Amino acid sequence: MEYGKLLDEAYKKIKHPENFGNSERFEIPKVEGYFEGKKTIITNFAQIAGHIRRDVGHFQKFILKELAAPGYLDGERLVLNIKVPSSKINQKVEEYAQEFVICRECKKPDTELIREDRITFIKCLACGARHSVRSKI
C-alpha cells in the first residue's frame, strides 16, 4: 500500500481530538464545603491547591483578597469568616488558574512560579515560555 492509504487507515482507527468534544485534560476540582453559622468552610482547599500544584499559602492569600474576606487555614480546610456561595469561590479559583497556573502561550497547566528579584514569573515547563504575573496579592 502507498503511504497516503496507510495514513487514512490509521486515522480511521484512532479517535481524533476533535471528536472528544470540549473536554480539557486539566480540570480543577469544584469547591466542597458548608456553612457553619456565619462562616464558610471549604473542606477540599488543600486538595485544590495540590491539584493546581501551587503553594497553599499563595492560593489562600489570593482567595482571601479576591473575596475581601478574613479567613484562615485549619489543616486542609480554609475557613472564611463570611458566607460566600460556592459559585463565587469557584469563579475565583478559575481566575487564579488563568493568572497563575495556565500558560498564556500554549494554554497548558504545566507551569511553575519563579521569583527573580522582586518580579514573579510563570514559567511553562511544556513550551518554555515565561511571563510576568502580578507579584502583589
Protein backbone atom coordinates (compact mmCIF):
# COMPACT_ATOMS: atom_id res chain seq x y z
CA MET A 1 0.00 0.00 0.00
CA GLU A 2 1.09 3.52 -0.51
CA TYR A 3 1.73 5.91 2.36
CA GLY A 4 -1.44 8.00 1.87
CA LYS A 5 -3.75 5.00 2.13
CA LEU A 6 -1.95 3.72 5.22
CA LEU A 7 -2.26 7.13 6.81
CA ASP A 8 -6.00 7.26 6.06
CA GLU A 9 -6.48 3.82 7.63
CA ALA A 10 -4.56 4.86 10.71
CA TYR A 11 -6.74 7.97 11.12
CA LYS A 12 -9.88 5.84 10.90
CA LYS A 13 -8.60 3.54 13.65
CA ILE A 14 -7.72 6.27 16.12
CA LYS A 15 -10.03 8.83 17.59
CA HIS A 16 -9.42 12.41 16.53
CA PRO A 17 -9.02 15.05 19.25
CA GLU A 18 -11.86 16.98 17.59
CA ASN A 19 -14.19 14.09 18.38
CA PHE A 20 -13.55 14.28 22.10
CA GLY A 21 -15.71 17.37 22.47
CA ASN A 22 -14.58 20.24 24.62
CA SER A 23 -13.16 18.24 27.49
CA GLU A 24 -9.85 19.55 28.77
CA ARG A 25 -7.22 17.39 30.36
CA PHE A 26 -6.87 19.96 33.13
CA GLU A 27 -9.95 20.21 35.29
CA ILE A 28 -9.88 21.96 38.63
CA PRO A 29 -11.94 20.19 41.31
CA LYS A 30 -15.02 22.13 42.37
CA VAL A 31 -15.07 23.65 45.84
CA GLU A 32 -16.66 21.45 48.51
CA GLY A 33 -17.74 22.87 51.79
CA TYR A 34 -20.51 24.02 54.05
CA PHE A 35 -21.77 26.93 56.10
CA GLU A 36 -21.33 26.95 59.86
CA GLY A 37 -23.14 29.93 61.31
CA LYS A 38 -21.70 32.95 59.53
CA LYS A 39 -18.62 31.05 58.34
CA THR A 40 -17.91 29.27 55.09
CA ILE A 41 -15.71 26.20 55.39
CA ILE A 42 -14.01 24.87 52.25
CA THR A 43 -13.15 21.27 53.03
CA ASN A 44 -11.07 20.44 49.93
CA PHE A 45 -8.94 23.60 49.79
CA ALA A 46 -5.56 21.85 50.16
CA GLN A 47 -6.63 19.26 47.57
CA ILE A 48 -7.39 22.01 45.02
CA ALA A 49 -4.04 23.70 45.73
CA GLY A 50 -2.29 20.35 45.27
CA HIS A 51 -4.13 19.69 42.02
CA ILE A 52 -3.03 23.00 40.50
CA ARG A 53 0.46 22.49 42.01
CA ARG A 54 0.62 25.79 43.85
CA ASP A 55 1.60 26.73 47.40
CA VAL A 56 -1.41 26.66 49.72
CA GLY A 57 -0.35 29.98 51.30
CA HIS A 58 -0.16 31.78 47.95
CA PHE A 59 -3.50 30.35 46.87
CA GLN A 60 -5.07 31.28 50.22
CA LYS A 61 -3.84 34.88 50.01
CA PHE A 62 -5.36 35.26 46.54
CA ILE A 63 -8.74 33.81 47.53
CA LEU A 64 -8.99 35.89 50.72
CA LYS A 65 -8.05 39.10 48.91
CA GLU A 66 -10.36 38.50 45.94
CA LEU A 67 -13.31 37.66 48.18
CA ALA A 68 -12.44 40.54 50.53
CA ALA A 69 -12.95 38.13 53.40
CA PRO A 70 -10.99 37.38 56.55
CA GLY A 71 -10.12 33.74 56.96
CA TYR A 72 -7.53 31.18 57.99
CA LEU A 73 -6.27 27.71 57.22
CA ASP A 74 -7.40 24.93 59.54
CA GLY A 75 -5.44 21.87 58.48
CA GLU A 76 -6.63 21.03 54.96
CA ARG A 77 -9.63 23.34 55.20
CA LEU A 78 -10.00 27.07 54.57
CA VAL A 79 -12.34 28.88 56.93
CA LEU A 80 -13.84 32.16 55.68
CA ASN A 81 -15.41 34.41 58.29
CA ILE A 82 -18.30 35.34 55.98
CA LYS A 83 -20.89 33.39 53.99
CA VAL A 84 -19.81 33.04 50.36
CA PRO A 85 -21.66 30.96 47.74
CA SER A 86 -19.60 28.16 46.21
CA SER A 87 -20.23 29.54 42.71
CA LYS A 88 -18.35 32.73 43.61
CA ILE A 89 -15.46 30.77 45.17
CA ASN A 90 -15.25 28.53 42.08
CA GLN A 91 -15.11 31.65 39.89
CA LYS A 92 -12.17 32.99 41.92
CA VAL A 93 -10.38 29.62 41.71
CA GLU A 94 -10.76 29.78 37.89
CA GLU A 95 -9.37 33.33 37.86
CA TYR A 96 -6.39 32.16 39.93
CA ALA A 97 -5.75 29.33 37.48
CA GLN A 98 -5.91 31.69 34.49
CA GLU A 99 -3.45 34.13 36.05
CA PHE A 100 -1.04 31.90 37.98
CA VAL A 101 -1.29 28.38 36.51
CA ILE A 102 -2.18 28.24 32.82
CA CYS A 103 0.47 29.25 30.24
CA ARG A 104 -0.56 32.19 28.07
CA GLU A 105 1.23 30.75 25.03
CA CYS A 106 0.30 27.07 24.86
CA LYS A 107 -2.62 27.12 27.36
CA LYS A 108 -1.21 24.16 29.32
CA PRO A 109 -1.16 23.96 33.13
CA ASP A 110 2.39 22.58 33.27
CA THR A 111 3.90 25.69 34.85
CA GLU A 112 5.76 26.84 37.91
CA LEU A 113 6.08 30.20 39.65
CA ILE A 114 9.59 31.61 39.79
CA ARG A 115 10.58 34.72 41.73
CA GLU A 116 13.53 36.74 40.42
CA ASP A 117 14.43 39.87 42.37
CA ARG A 118 11.02 41.41 43.07
CA ILE A 119 9.27 40.06 39.97
CA THR A 120 7.29 36.81 39.85
CA PHE A 121 7.26 34.89 36.59
CA ILE A 122 5.20 31.97 35.41
CA LYS A 123 7.47 29.52 33.57
CA CYS A 124 5.90 26.94 31.30
CA LEU A 125 7.51 23.51 31.53
CA ALA A 126 5.81 22.43 28.28
CA CYS A 127 6.78 25.21 25.84
CA GLY A 128 9.40 27.15 27.82
CA ALA A 129 7.57 30.50 27.74
CA ARG A 130 7.99 32.99 30.60
CA HIS A 131 5.51 35.67 31.56
CA SER A 132 5.44 38.04 34.48
CA VAL A 133 2.47 37.88 36.83
CA ARG A 134 1.32 40.29 39.48
CA SER A 135 3.53 39.67 42.45
CA LYS A 136 1.46 41.58 44.97
CA ILE A 137 -1.52 39.60 46.12
